[in-house]
């Protein structure tokens, strides 16, 4: 494992305000307790809590009711365990054990039940079914359909990451960007926030090219920023699923120089987001058929997007120990990772 020389994470100059739910710390504690109760972690619980998923949930939820903040924090806790377990199986060459778990998850998502015997009793599956049932119960039919579509795409993107690491090659930057929009695991969470805010945007709005550009910009800003924060760990363990590493290899430049390239890309993406936002409202206003209620809902949705961009950045800088943990930076597994988790039944 090759450790990266220390470097400073740039200031990405996100021109947005952010407020944090006053009970975010409580949500973090409750989500940690939920993960322990569901046997997702059994050791180093304080380190696991240091990820700060409740703080992130509190930053991106706006005025969502507290119980929905907790639910989002629990989903985030589950997502971090999912990601770490996937990395663990890549390290140990046991990816064959991954398929029964994801099969059971997708089966429950599609049918409301999990009957795959190989995964019954698995904490990852049990945690998902508990969360999924409560998440879908609070969603409209249209939002639930998007959530049901986003979760399999998220799982598939993890398979793509495993393929990239197995071959040792480098995907193209564009292919990586498209994959990263799903491996960030953000889209299902955005669906949850939309439901928590009581928003139910028509599919026609989601289908607008301007709205899709807006969404892609948000996902890229968050994902590329996270690639900078997580670079030391991924570099140390030879993970090539990182925009900085890909640009370094493609352009033949040092990693610090590639960080500067990614910083510039992020700033350009923020500008593209602002242009797309203005264009979206111009298109909606030019369409005399857009009801005022829909325009108001889109305005609130846009503020939610801005909460996501600045909230994720502030969380990583100030409230999350995951990216500063010595084990993580050295490319090692976190102390809370259960080596037997995927095979537990």
C-alpha atoms as a PDB file:
ATOM      1  CA  UNK A   1       0.000   0.000   0.000  1.00  0.00           C
ATOM      2  CA  UNK A   2       1.377   3.403  -1.013  1.00  0.00           C
ATOM      3  CA  UNK A   3       0.340   6.294   1.159  1.00  0.00           C
ATOM      4  CA  UNK A   4      -0.234   9.704  -0.388  1.00  0.00           C
ATOM      5  CA  UNK A   5       1.726  12.670   0.857  1.00  0.00           C
ATOM      6  CA  UNK A   6      -0.546  15.013   2.850  1.00  0.00           C
ATOM      7  CA  UNK A   7      -2.369  17.621   0.797  1.00  0.00           C
ATOM      8  CA  UNK A   8      -4.963  20.274   1.523  1.00  0.00           C
ATOM      9  CA  UNK A   9      -8.483  19.823   0.236  1.00  0.00           C
ATOM     10  CA  UNK A  10      -9.311  22.905  -1.850  1.00  0.00           C
ATOM     11  CA  UNK A  11     -12.108  25.281  -1.020  1.00  0.00           C
ATOM     12  CA  UNK A  12     -14.646  24.585  -3.736  1.00  0.00           C
ATOM     13  CA  UNK A  13     -16.354  27.986  -3.329  1.00  0.00           C
ATOM     14  CA  UNK A  14     -19.930  26.713  -3.195  1.00  0.00           C
ATOM     15  CA  UNK A  15     -22.116  29.854  -3.331  1.00  0.00           C
ATOM     16  CA  UNK A  16     -24.976  28.447  -1.273  1.00  0.00           C
ATOM     17  CA  UNK A  17     -26.265  28.813   2.258  1.00  0.00           C
ATOM     18  CA  UNK A  18     -26.973  25.863   4.498  1.00  0.00           C
ATOM     19  CA  UNK A  19     -28.834  25.262   7.725  1.00  0.00           C
ATOM     20  CA  UNK A  20     -28.604  22.129   9.827  1.00  0.00           C
ATOM     21  CA  UNK A  21     -31.437  20.361  11.616  1.00  0.00           C
ATOM     22  CA  UNK A  22     -31.104  21.177  15.329  1.00  0.00           C
ATOM     23  CA  UNK A  23     -31.464  17.498  16.264  1.00  0.00           C
ATOM     24  CA  UNK A  24     -28.865  16.156  13.825  1.00  0.00           C
ATOM     25  CA  UNK A  25     -26.646  14.858  16.642  1.00  0.00           C
ATOM     26  CA  UNK A  26     -29.585  12.973  18.112  1.00  0.00           C
ATOM     27  CA  UNK A  27     -30.343  11.510  14.676  1.00  0.00           C
ATOM     28  CA  UNK A  28     -26.721  10.370  14.442  1.00  0.00           C
ATOM     29  CA  UNK A  29     -26.976   8.576  17.782  1.00  0.00           C
ATOM     30  CA  UNK A  30     -30.284   6.941  16.859  1.00  0.00           C
ATOM     31  CA  UNK A  31     -28.980   5.786  13.478  1.00  0.00           C
ATOM     32  CA  UNK A  32     -25.892   4.336  15.154  1.00  0.00           C
ATOM     33  CA  UNK A  33     -28.096   2.455  17.622  1.00  0.00           C
ATOM     34  CA  UNK A  34     -30.204   1.168  14.715  1.00  0.00           C
ATOM     35  CA  UNK A  35     -27.082  -0.168  12.959  1.00  0.00           C
ATOM     36  CA  UNK A  36     -25.938  -1.923  16.134  1.00  0.00           C
ATOM     37  CA  UNK A  37     -29.412  -3.368  16.732  1.00  0.00           C
ATOM     38  CA  UNK A  38     -29.413  -4.765  13.184  1.00  0.00           C
ATOM     39  CA  UNK A  39     -25.910  -6.222  13.717  1.00  0.00           C
ATOM     40  CA  UNK A  40     -24.370  -4.197  10.910  1.00  0.00           C
ATOM     41  CA  UNK A  41     -21.580  -3.212  13.295  1.00  0.00           C
ATOM     42  CA  UNK A  42     -20.533  -4.914  16.516  1.00  0.00           C
ATOM     43  CA  UNK A  43     -17.213  -3.247  17.363  1.00  0.00           C
ATOM     44  CA  UNK A  44     -15.671   0.230  17.257  1.00  0.00           C
ATOM     45  CA  UNK A  45     -19.165   1.707  17.464  1.00  0.00           C
ATOM     46  CA  UNK A  46     -17.852   5.141  18.391  1.00  0.00           C
ATOM     47  CA  UNK A  47     -15.704   5.166  15.257  1.00  0.00           C
ATOM     48  CA  UNK A  48     -18.707   4.190  13.179  1.00  0.00           C
ATOM     49  CA  UNK A  49     -20.746   7.013  14.729  1.00  0.00           C
ATOM     50  CA  UNK A  50     -17.906   9.355  13.779  1.00  0.00           C
ATOM     51  CA  UNK A  51     -18.900   9.029  10.126  1.00  0.00           C
ATOM     52  CA  UNK A  52     -21.588  11.529  11.062  1.00  0.00           C
ATOM     53  CA  UNK A  53     -24.426  10.233   8.886  1.00  0.00           C
ATOM     54  CA  UNK A  54     -26.945  11.976  11.134  1.00  0.00           C
ATOM     55  CA  UNK A  55     -25.131  15.272  10.644  1.00  0.00           C
ATOM     56  CA  UNK A  56     -25.182  14.804   6.877  1.00  0.00           C
ATOM     57  CA  UNK A  57     -28.876  13.905   6.984  1.00  0.00           C
ATOM     58  CA  UNK A  58     -29.520  17.022   9.048  1.00  0.00           C
ATOM     59  CA  UNK A  59     -27.712  19.214   6.535  1.00  0.00           C
ATOM     60  CA  UNK A  60     -29.570  17.980   3.440  1.00  0.00           C
ATOM     61  CA  UNK A  61     -33.065  17.534   4.842  1.00  0.00           C
ATOM     62  CA  UNK A  62     -34.192  21.120   5.162  1.00  0.00           C
ATOM     63  CA  UNK A  63     -37.394  21.314   7.202  1.00  0.00           C
ATOM     64  CA  UNK A  64     -38.156  17.606   6.866  1.00  0.00           C
ATOM     65  CA  UNK A  65     -39.868  16.201   9.998  1.00  0.00           C
ATOM     66  CA  UNK A  66     -37.411  14.742  12.493  1.00  0.00           C
ATOM     67  CA  UNK A  67     -38.554  11.143  12.040  1.00  0.00           C
ATOM     68  CA  UNK A  68     -37.701  11.400   8.334  1.00  0.00           C
ATOM     69  CA  UNK A  69     -34.262  12.832   9.182  1.00  0.00           C
ATOM     70  CA  UNK A  70     -33.631   9.769  11.345  1.00  0.00           C
ATOM     71  CA  UNK A  71     -34.819   7.458   8.585  1.00  0.00           C
ATOM     72  CA  UNK A  72     -32.441   9.124   6.139  1.00  0.00           C
ATOM     73  CA  UNK A  73     -29.599   8.856   8.665  1.00  0.00           C
ATOM     74  CA  UNK A  74     -30.346   5.139   9.094  1.00  0.00           C
ATOM     75  CA  UNK A  75     -30.309   4.653   5.319  1.00  0.00           C
ATOM     76  CA  UNK A  76     -26.985   6.484   5.140  1.00  0.00           C
ATOM     77  CA  UNK A  77     -25.558   4.292   7.913  1.00  0.00           C
ATOM     78  CA  UNK A  78     -26.693   1.195   6.009  1.00  0.00           C
ATOM     79  CA  UNK A  79     -25.192   2.595   2.784  1.00  0.00           C
ATOM     80  CA  UNK A  80     -21.787   3.118   4.373  1.00  0.00           C
ATOM     81  CA  UNK A  81     -21.793  -0.465   5.648  1.00  0.00           C
ATOM     82  CA  UNK A  82     -22.879  -1.680   2.207  1.00  0.00           C
ATOM     83  CA  UNK A  83     -19.997   0.185   0.581  1.00  0.00           C
ATOM     84  CA  UNK A  84     -17.437  -1.018   3.129  1.00  0.00           C
ATOM     85  CA  UNK A  85     -18.603  -4.621   2.842  1.00  0.00           C
ATOM     86  CA  UNK A  86     -18.308  -4.463  -0.925  1.00  0.00           C
ATOM     87  CA  UNK A  87     -14.736  -3.175  -0.562  1.00  0.00           C
ATOM     88  CA  UNK A  88     -14.011  -5.965   1.940  1.00  0.00           C
ATOM     89  CA  UNK A  89     -15.133  -8.652  -0.513  1.00  0.00           C
ATOM     90  CA  UNK A  90     -12.979  -7.105  -3.246  1.00  0.00           C
ATOM     91  CA  UNK A  91      -9.969  -7.201  -0.913  1.00  0.00           C
ATOM     92  CA  UNK A  92     -10.547 -10.827   0.051  1.00  0.00           C
ATOM     93  CA  UNK A  93     -11.566 -12.102  -3.374  1.00  0.00           C
ATOM     94  CA  UNK A  94     -14.984 -13.218  -2.141  1.00  0.00           C
ATOM     95  CA  UNK A  95     -17.238 -11.299  -4.500  1.00  0.00           C
ATOM     96  CA  UNK A  96     -19.247 -14.450  -5.241  1.00  0.00           C
ATOM     97  CA  UNK A  97     -20.855 -13.925  -1.821  1.00  0.00           C
ATOM     98  CA  UNK A  98     -22.154 -10.526  -2.918  1.00  0.00           C
ATOM     99  CA  UNK A  99     -24.702 -11.737  -5.467  1.00  0.00           C
ATOM    100  CA  UNK A 100     -27.127 -13.505  -3.059  1.00  0.00           C
ATOM    101  CA  UNK A 101     -27.285 -10.357  -0.933  1.00  0.00           C
ATOM    102  CA  UNK A 102     -28.037  -8.011  -3.827  1.00  0.00           C
ATOM    103  CA  UNK A 103     -30.484 -10.523  -5.320  1.00  0.00           C
ATOM    104  CA  UNK A 104     -32.435 -10.550  -2.052  1.00  0.00           C
ATOM    105  CA  UNK A 105     -32.386  -6.744  -1.893  1.00  0.00           C
ATOM    106  CA  UNK A 106     -33.703  -6.319  -5.438  1.00  0.00           C
ATOM    107  CA  UNK A 107     -36.310  -9.037  -4.895  1.00  0.00           C
ATOM    108  CA  UNK A 108     -37.678  -7.240  -1.857  1.00  0.00           C
ATOM    109  CA  UNK A 109     -37.624  -3.958  -3.733  1.00  0.00           C
ATOM    110  CA  UNK A 110     -39.677  -5.462  -6.563  1.00  0.00           C
ATOM    111  CA  UNK A 111     -42.034  -7.762  -4.641  1.00  0.00           C
ATOM    112  CA  UNK A 112     -42.034  -6.637  -1.011  1.00  0.00           C
ATOM    113  CA  UNK A 113     -40.514  -9.911   0.159  1.00  0.00           C
ATOM    114  CA  UNK A 114     -37.148 -11.678   0.128  1.00  0.00           C
ATOM    115  CA  UNK A 115     -37.191 -15.412  -0.329  1.00  0.00           C
ATOM    116  CA  UNK A 116     -33.607 -16.017  -1.457  1.00  0.00           C
ATOM    117  CA  UNK A 117     -32.516 -18.663   1.031  1.00  0.00           C
ATOM    118  CA  UNK A 118     -28.830 -17.833   0.644  1.00  0.00           C
ATOM    119  CA  UNK A 119     -29.349 -14.356   2.090  1.00  0.00           C
ATOM    120  CA  UNK A 120     -32.176 -14.847   4.586  1.00  0.00           C
ATOM    121  CA  UNK A 121     -31.106 -13.587   7.995  1.00  0.00           C
ATOM    122  CA  UNK A 122     -28.244 -11.535   6.604  1.00  0.00           C
ATOM    123  CA  UNK A 123     -27.972  -8.203   8.462  1.00  0.00           C
ATOM    124  CA  UNK A 124     -27.512  -6.215   5.234  1.00  0.00           C
ATOM    125  CA  UNK A 125     -30.678  -7.727   3.794  1.00  0.00           C
ATOM    126  CA  UNK A 126     -32.643  -7.402   7.031  1.00  0.00           C
ATOM    127  CA  UNK A 127     -31.535  -3.805   7.439  1.00  0.00           C
ATOM    128  CA  UNK A 128     -32.573  -3.014   3.892  1.00  0.00           C
ATOM    129  CA  UNK A 129     -36.026  -4.579   4.227  1.00  0.00           C
ATOM    130  CA  UNK A 130     -36.687  -2.650   7.429  1.00  0.00           C
ATOM    131  CA  UNK A 131     -35.656   0.612   5.805  1.00  0.00           C
ATOM    132  CA  UNK A 132     -37.255   0.004   2.422  1.00  0.00           C
ATOM    133  CA  UNK A 133     -40.695  -0.712   3.857  1.00  0.00           C
ATOM    134  CA  UNK A 134     -40.660   2.478   5.913  1.00  0.00           C
ATOM    135  CA  UNK A 135     -39.228   4.554   3.061  1.00  0.00           C
ATOM    136  CA  UNK A 136     -41.815   3.436   0.516  1.00  0.00           C
ATOM    137  CA  UNK A 137     -44.649   3.949   3.008  1.00  0.00           C
ATOM    138  CA  UNK A 138     -43.873   7.675   2.992  1.00  0.00           C
ATOM    139  CA  UNK A 139     -43.599   8.121  -0.772  1.00  0.00           C
ATOM    140  CA  UNK A 140     -46.020   8.922  -3.532  1.00  0.00           C
ATOM    141  CA  UNK A 141     -46.310   6.374  -6.310  1.00  0.00           C
ATOM    142  CA  UNK A 142     -44.151   8.416  -8.689  1.00  0.00           C
ATOM    143  CA  UNK A 143     -41.382   9.043  -6.158  1.00  0.00           C
ATOM    144  CA  UNK A 144     -41.467   5.397  -5.094  1.00  0.00           C
ATOM    145  CA  UNK A 145     -41.041   4.352  -8.728  1.00  0.00           C
ATOM    146  CA  UNK A 146     -37.927   6.518  -9.028  1.00  0.00           C
ATOM    147  CA  UNK A 147     -36.550   5.126  -5.770  1.00  0.00           C
ATOM    148  CA  UNK A 148     -37.183   1.567  -6.992  1.00  0.00           C
ATOM    149  CA  UNK A 149     -35.302   2.400 -10.198  1.00  0.00           C
ATOM    150  CA  UNK A 150     -32.385   4.134  -8.478  1.00  0.00           C
ATOM    151  CA  UNK A 151     -31.467   1.406  -5.972  1.00  0.00           C
ATOM    152  CA  UNK A 152     -30.668  -1.295  -8.604  1.00  0.00           C
ATOM    153  CA  UNK A 153     -28.636   1.247 -10.570  1.00  0.00           C
ATOM    154  CA  UNK A 154     -26.713   1.961  -7.378  1.00  0.00           C
ATOM    155  CA  UNK A 155     -26.033  -1.747  -6.819  1.00  0.00           C
ATOM    156  CA  UNK A 156     -25.004  -2.236 -10.447  1.00  0.00           C
ATOM    157  CA  UNK A 157     -22.537   0.642 -10.193  1.00  0.00           C
ATOM    158  CA  UNK A 158     -20.798  -1.174  -7.331  1.00  0.00           C
ATOM    159  CA  UNK A 159     -20.393  -4.174  -9.636  1.00  0.00           C
ATOM    160  CA  UNK A 160     -18.865  -1.833 -12.220  1.00  0.00           C
ATOM    161  CA  UNK A 161     -16.420  -0.534  -9.612  1.00  0.00           C
ATOM    162  CA  UNK A 162     -15.449  -4.096  -8.734  1.00  0.00           C
ATOM    163  CA  UNK A 163     -14.837  -4.814 -12.414  1.00  0.00           C
ATOM    164  CA  UNK A 164     -12.581  -1.777 -12.720  1.00  0.00           C
ATOM    165  CA  UNK A 165     -10.523  -2.895  -9.733  1.00  0.00           C
ATOM    166  CA  UNK A 166     -10.381  -6.522 -10.846  1.00  0.00           C
ATOM    167  CA  UNK A 167      -8.918  -5.668 -14.259  1.00  0.00           C
ATOM    168  CA  UNK A 168      -6.600  -3.008 -12.885  1.00  0.00           C
ATOM    169  CA  UNK A 169      -7.364  -0.859 -15.895  1.00  0.00           C
ATOM    170  CA  UNK A 170      -8.706   2.647 -16.011  1.00  0.00           C
ATOM    171  CA  UNK A 171     -12.190   3.443 -17.330  1.00  0.00           C
ATOM    172  CA  UNK A 172     -12.479   6.540 -19.453  1.00  0.00           C
ATOM    173  CA  UNK A 173     -13.174   9.699 -17.510  1.00  0.00           C
ATOM    174  CA  UNK A 174     -16.620  10.014 -19.111  1.00  0.00           C
ATOM    175  CA  UNK A 175     -17.555   6.393 -18.342  1.00  0.00           C
ATOM    176  CA  UNK A 176     -16.412   6.903 -14.777  1.00  0.00           C
ATOM    177  CA  UNK A 177     -18.469  10.082 -14.384  1.00  0.00           C
ATOM    178  CA  UNK A 178     -21.630   8.298 -15.547  1.00  0.00           C
ATOM    179  CA  UNK A 179     -20.982   5.382 -13.184  1.00  0.00           C
ATOM    180  CA  UNK A 180     -20.110   7.661 -10.261  1.00  0.00           C
ATOM    181  CA  UNK A 181     -23.499   9.355 -10.393  1.00  0.00           C
ATOM    182  CA  UNK A 182     -24.928   6.068  -9.151  1.00  0.00           C
ATOM    183  CA  UNK A 183     -22.068   4.709  -7.028  1.00  0.00           C
ATOM    184  CA  UNK A 184     -22.288   7.903  -4.954  1.00  0.00           C
ATOM    185  CA  UNK A 185     -25.606   6.397  -3.724  1.00  0.00           C
ATOM    186  CA  UNK A 186     -27.112   9.888  -3.629  1.00  0.00           C
ATOM    187  CA  UNK A 187     -30.134   9.477  -5.915  1.00  0.00           C
ATOM    188  CA  UNK A 188     -32.169   7.206  -3.578  1.00  0.00           C
ATOM    189  CA  UNK A 189     -31.416   9.650  -0.767  1.00  0.00           C
ATOM    190  CA  UNK A 190     -32.641  12.564  -2.859  1.00  0.00           C
ATOM    191  CA  UNK A 191     -35.852  10.617  -3.428  1.00  0.00           C
ATOM    192  CA  UNK A 192     -36.216  10.313   0.348  1.00  0.00           C
ATOM    193  CA  UNK A 193     -35.694  14.043   0.890  1.00  0.00           C
ATOM    194  CA  UNK A 194     -38.206  14.842  -1.841  1.00  0.00           C
ATOM    195  CA  UNK A 195     -40.788  12.693  -0.059  1.00  0.00           C
ATOM    196  CA  UNK A 196     -39.878  14.114   3.339  1.00  0.00           C
ATOM    197  CA  UNK A 197     -40.411  17.651   2.055  1.00  0.00           C
ATOM    198  CA  UNK A 198     -43.835  16.645   0.783  1.00  0.00           C
ATOM    199  CA  UNK A 199     -42.836  17.328  -2.813  1.00  0.00           C
ATOM    200  CA  UNK A 200     -44.208  15.296  -5.693  1.00  0.00           C
ATOM    201  CA  UNK A 201     -42.806  16.728  -8.890  1.00  0.00           C
ATOM    202  CA  UNK A 202     -44.551  15.527 -12.040  1.00  0.00           C
ATOM    203  CA  UNK A 203     -42.510  13.147 -14.170  1.00  0.00           C
ATOM    204  CA  UNK A 204     -42.755  15.731 -16.936  1.00  0.00           C
ATOM    205  CA  UNK A 205     -40.533  18.023 -14.838  1.00  0.00           C
ATOM    206  CA  UNK A 206     -38.010  15.253 -14.169  1.00  0.00           C
ATOM    207  CA  UNK A 207     -37.941  14.601 -17.929  1.00  0.00           C
ATOM    208  CA  UNK A 208     -37.055  18.183 -18.856  1.00  0.00           C
ATOM    209  CA  UNK A 209     -33.504  18.312 -20.285  1.00  0.00           C
ATOM    210  CA  UNK A 210     -32.815  21.383 -18.140  1.00  0.00           C
ATOM    211  CA  UNK A 211     -33.883  19.531 -14.989  1.00  0.00           C
ATOM    212  CA  UNK A 212     -31.747  16.525 -15.905  1.00  0.00           C
ATOM    213  CA  UNK A 213     -28.760  18.802 -16.489  1.00  0.00           C
ATOM    214  CA  UNK A 214     -29.373  20.331 -13.068  1.00  0.00           C
ATOM    215  CA  UNK A 215     -29.481  16.897 -11.422  1.00  0.00           C
ATOM    216  CA  UNK A 216     -26.341  15.689 -13.191  1.00  0.00           C
ATOM    217  CA  UNK A 217     -24.482  18.823 -12.118  1.00  0.00           C
ATOM    218  CA  UNK A 218     -25.398  18.292  -8.467  1.00  0.00           C
ATOM    219  CA  UNK A 219     -24.332  14.646  -8.532  1.00  0.00           C
ATOM    220  CA  UNK A 220     -21.034  15.532 -10.169  1.00  0.00           C
ATOM    221  CA  UNK A 221     -20.186  18.355  -7.768  1.00  0.00           C
ATOM    222  CA  UNK A 222     -20.817  16.111  -4.751  1.00  0.00           C
ATOM    223  CA  UNK A 223     -19.124  13.018  -6.202  1.00  0.00           C
ATOM    224  CA  UNK A 224     -16.028  14.769  -7.493  1.00  0.00           C
ATOM    225  CA  UNK A 225     -15.603  16.593  -4.192  1.00  0.00           C
ATOM    226  CA  UNK A 226     -15.861  13.289  -2.358  1.00  0.00           C
ATOM    227  CA  UNK A 227     -13.200  11.827  -4.658  1.00  0.00           C
ATOM    228  CA  UNK A 228     -10.814  14.514  -3.399  1.00  0.00           C
ATOM    229  CA  UNK A 229     -11.658  13.874   0.255  1.00  0.00           C
ATOM    230  CA  UNK A 230     -11.338  10.087  -0.132  1.00  0.00           C
ATOM    231  CA  UNK A 231      -8.248  10.132  -2.374  1.00  0.00           C
ATOM    232  CA  UNK A 232      -5.718   9.138   0.339  1.00  0.00           C
ATOM    233  CA  UNK A 233      -7.588   5.930   1.183  1.00  0.00           C
ATOM    234  CA  UNK A 234      -8.301   4.953  -2.403  1.00  0.00           C
ATOM    235  CA  UNK A 235      -4.753   5.687  -3.523  1.00  0.00           C
ATOM    236  CA  UNK A 236      -3.361   3.663  -0.618  1.00  0.00           C
ATOM    237  CA  UNK A 237      -5.384   0.554  -1.448  1.00  0.00           C
ATOM    238  CA  UNK A 238      -4.965   0.785  -5.222  1.00  0.00           C
ATOM    239  CA  UNK A 239      -8.579   1.678  -5.965  1.00  0.00           C
ATOM    240  CA  UNK A 240      -8.766   3.237  -9.434  1.00  0.00           C
ATOM    241  CA  UNK A 241     -12.374   4.411  -8.979  1.00  0.00           C
ATOM    242  CA  UNK A 242     -11.479   8.036  -8.324  1.00  0.00           C
ATOM    243  CA  UNK A 243     -11.622  10.983 -10.693  1.00  0.00           C
ATOM    244  CA  UNK A 244      -8.313  12.393  -9.421  1.00  0.00           C
ATOM    245  CA  UNK A 245      -6.506   9.102 -10.026  1.00  0.00           C
ATOM    246  CA  UNK A 246      -8.026   8.728 -13.478  1.00  0.00           C
ATOM    247  CA  UNK A 247      -7.007  12.221 -14.563  1.00  0.00           C
ATOM    248  CA  UNK A 248      -3.524  11.676 -13.136  1.00  0.00           C
ATOM    249  CA  UNK A 249      -3.140   8.472 -15.176  1.00  0.00           C
ATOM    250  CA  UNK A 250      -4.742   9.915 -18.314  1.00  0.00           C
ATOM    251  CA  UNK A 251      -2.762  13.142 -18.394  1.00  0.00           C
ATOM    252  CA  UNK A 252       0.465  11.826 -16.878  1.00  0.00           C
ATOM    253  CA  UNK A 253       0.435  14.407 -14.084  1.00  0.00           C
ATOM    254  CA  UNK A 254       1.009  14.133 -10.352  1.00  0.00           C
ATOM    255  CA  UNK A 255      -1.894  13.523  -8.003  1.00  0.00           C
ATOM    256  CA  UNK A 256      -1.650  17.054  -6.500  1.00  0.00           C
ATOM    257  CA  UNK A 257      -1.805  18.468 -10.036  1.00  0.00           C
ATOM    258  CA  UNK A 258      -4.799  16.235 -10.796  1.00  0.00           C
ATOM    259  CA  UNK A 259      -6.502  17.544  -7.643  1.00  0.00           C
ATOM    260  CA  UNK A 260      -6.193  21.037  -9.117  1.00  0.00           C
ATOM    261  CA  UNK A 261      -7.758  19.810 -12.366  1.00  0.00           C
ATOM    262  CA  UNK A 262     -10.685  18.311 -10.448  1.00  0.00           C
ATOM    263  CA  UNK A 263     -11.051  21.530  -8.456  1.00  0.00           C
ATOM    264  CA  UNK A 264     -11.368  23.457 -11.717  1.00  0.00           C
ATOM    265  CA  UNK A 265     -13.887  20.918 -13.022  1.00  0.00           C
ATOM    266  CA  UNK A 266     -15.968  21.343  -9.883  1.00  0.00           C
ATOM    267  CA  UNK A 267     -15.982  25.128 -10.216  1.00  0.00           C
ATOM    268  CA  UNK A 268     -17.031  24.816 -13.860  1.00  0.00           C
ATOM    269  CA  UNK A 269     -19.760  22.349 -12.883  1.00  0.00           C
ATOM    270  CA  UNK A 270     -21.102  24.778 -10.281  1.00  0.00           C
ATOM    271  CA  UNK A 271     -21.339  27.458 -12.958  1.00  0.00           C
ATOM    272  CA  UNK A 272     -23.119  24.992 -15.262  1.00  0.00           C
ATOM    273  CA  UNK A 273     -25.548  24.251 -12.437  1.00  0.00           C
ATOM    274  CA  UNK A 274     -26.356  27.944 -12.017  1.00  0.00           C
ATOM    275  CA  UNK A 275     -26.898  28.368 -15.761  1.00  0.00           C
ATOM    276  CA  UNK A 276     -29.124  25.273 -15.886  1.00  0.00           C
ATOM    277  CA  UNK A 277     -31.148  26.578 -12.942  1.00  0.00           C
ATOM    278  CA  UNK A 278     -31.860  29.859 -14.706  1.00  0.00           C
ATOM    279  CA  UNK A 279     -32.657  28.050 -17.939  1.00  0.00           C
ATOM    280  CA  UNK A 280     -35.034  25.659 -16.168  1.00  0.00           C
ATOM    281  CA  UNK A 281     -37.173  28.474 -14.816  1.00  0.00           C
ATOM    282  CA  UNK A 282     -37.099  30.267 -18.147  1.00  0.00           C
ATOM    283  CA  UNK A 283     -38.450  27.156 -19.846  1.00  0.00           C
ATOM    284  CA  UNK A 284     -41.123  26.674 -17.202  1.00  0.00           C
ATOM    285  CA  UNK A 285     -42.179  30.314 -17.290  1.00  0.00           C
ATOM    286  CA  UNK A 286     -42.369  30.245 -21.079  1.00  0.00           C
ATOM    287  CA  UNK A 287     -44.814  27.375 -20.820  1.00  0.00           C
ATOM    288  CA  UNK A 288     -48.074  28.982 -19.821  1.00  0.00           C
ATOM    289  CA  UNK A 289     -49.389  25.596 -18.734  1.00  0.00           C
ATOM    290  CA  UNK A 290     -47.057  25.272 -15.720  1.00  0.00           C
ATOM    291  CA  UNK A 291     -49.222  25.547 -12.576  1.00  0.00           C
ATOM    292  CA  UNK A 292     -47.925  27.945  -9.904  1.00  0.00           C
ATOM    293  CA  UNK A 293     -47.873  25.064  -7.416  1.00  0.00           C
ATOM    294  CA  UNK A 294     -45.468  23.120  -9.633  1.00  0.00           C
ATOM    295  CA  UNK A 295     -43.176  26.115 -10.014  1.00  0.00           C
ATOM    296  CA  UNK A 296     -43.134  26.572  -6.239  1.00  0.00           C
ATOM    297  CA  UNK A 297     -42.314  22.891  -5.764  1.00  0.00           C
ATOM    298  CA  UNK A 298     -39.455  23.132  -8.263  1.00  0.00           C
ATOM    299  CA  UNK A 299     -38.089  26.169  -6.406  1.00  0.00           C
ATOM    300  CA  UNK A 300     -38.046  24.134  -3.187  1.00  0.00           C
ATOM    301  CA  UNK A 301     -36.465  21.208  -4.994  1.00  0.00           C
ATOM    302  CA  UNK A 302     -33.704  23.483  -6.307  1.00  0.00           C
ATOM    303  CA  UNK A 303     -32.984  24.695  -2.770  1.00  0.00           C
ATOM    304  CA  UNK A 304     -32.739  21.062  -1.745  1.00  0.00           C
ATOM    305  CA  UNK A 305     -30.134  20.482  -4.447  1.00  0.00           C
ATOM    306  CA  UNK A 306     -28.126  23.400  -3.078  1.00  0.00           C
ATOM    307  CA  UNK A 307     -28.426  21.947   0.437  1.00  0.00           C
ATOM    308  CA  UNK A 308     -26.949  18.733  -0.920  1.00  0.00           C
ATOM    309  CA  UNK A 309     -23.929  20.403  -2.513  1.00  0.00           C
ATOM    310  CA  UNK A 310     -22.922  22.666   0.355  1.00  0.00           C
ATOM    311  CA  UNK A 311     -24.135  20.267   3.064  1.00  0.00           C
ATOM    312  CA  UNK A 312     -22.043  17.371   1.782  1.00  0.00           C
ATOM    313  CA  UNK A 313     -18.982  19.613   1.606  1.00  0.00           C
ATOM    314  CA  UNK A 314     -19.411  20.986   5.142  1.00  0.00           C
ATOM    315  CA  UNK A 315     -20.068  17.509   6.519  1.00  0.00           C
ATOM    316  CA  UNK A 316     -16.882  16.090   4.994  1.00  0.00           C
ATOM    317  CA  UNK A 317     -14.787  19.020   6.188  1.00  0.00           C
ATOM    318  CA  UNK A 318     -16.032  19.387   9.730  1.00  0.00           C
ATOM    319  CA  UNK A 319     -18.284  16.584  10.940  1.00  0.00           C
ATOM    320  CA  UNK A 320     -17.029  13.345   9.424  1.00  0.00           C
ATOM    321  CA  UNK A 321     -14.015  11.477  10.807  1.00  0.00           C
ATOM    322  CA  UNK A 322     -14.125   8.861   8.040  1.00  0.00           C
ATOM    323  CA  UNK A 323     -11.741  10.670   5.701  1.00  0.00           C
ATOM    324  CA  UNK A 324      -9.292  11.708   8.428  1.00  0.00           C
ATOM    325  CA  UNK A 325      -9.165   8.330  10.201  1.00  0.00           C
ATOM    326  CA  UNK A 326      -5.625   6.915  10.113  1.00  0.00           C
ATOM    327  CA  UNK A 327      -6.767   3.441   9.072  1.00  0.00           C
ATOM    328  CA  UNK A 328      -8.872   4.848   6.254  1.00  0.00           C
ATOM    329  CA  UNK A 329      -6.042   7.074   5.001  1.00  0.00           C
ATOM    330  CA  UNK A 330      -3.682   4.088   5.068  1.00  0.00           C
ATOM    331  CA  UNK A 331      -6.001   2.093   2.801  1.00  0.00           C
ATOM    332  CA  UNK A 332      -7.038  -0.283   5.580  1.00  0.00           C
ATOM    333  CA  UNK A 333     -10.488  -1.429   6.553  1.00  0.00           C
ATOM    334  CA  UNK A 334     -12.223   0.492   9.292  1.00  0.00           C
ATOM    335  CA  UNK A 335     -12.156  -1.103  12.715  1.00  0.00           C
ATOM    336  CA  UNK A 336     -15.955  -1.424  12.719  1.00  0.00           C
ATOM    337  CA  UNK A 337     -16.026  -3.541   9.541  1.00  0.00           C
ATOM    338  CA  UNK A 338     -17.370  -7.049  10.254  1.00  0.00           C
ATOM    339  CA  UNK A 339     -15.379  -9.509   8.095  1.00  0.00           C
ATOM    340  CA  UNK A 340     -18.143 -12.107   8.419  1.00  0.00           C
ATOM    341  CA  UNK A 341     -21.096  -9.823   7.751  1.00  0.00           C
ATOM    342  CA  UNK A 342     -22.022 -10.866   4.234  1.00  0.00           C
ATOM    343  CA  UNK A 343     -21.874 -14.531   5.186  1.00  0.00           C
ATOM    344  CA  UNK A 344     -23.960 -14.132   8.350  1.00  0.00           C
ATOM    345  CA  UNK A 345     -27.324 -15.869   8.187  1.00  0.00           C
END
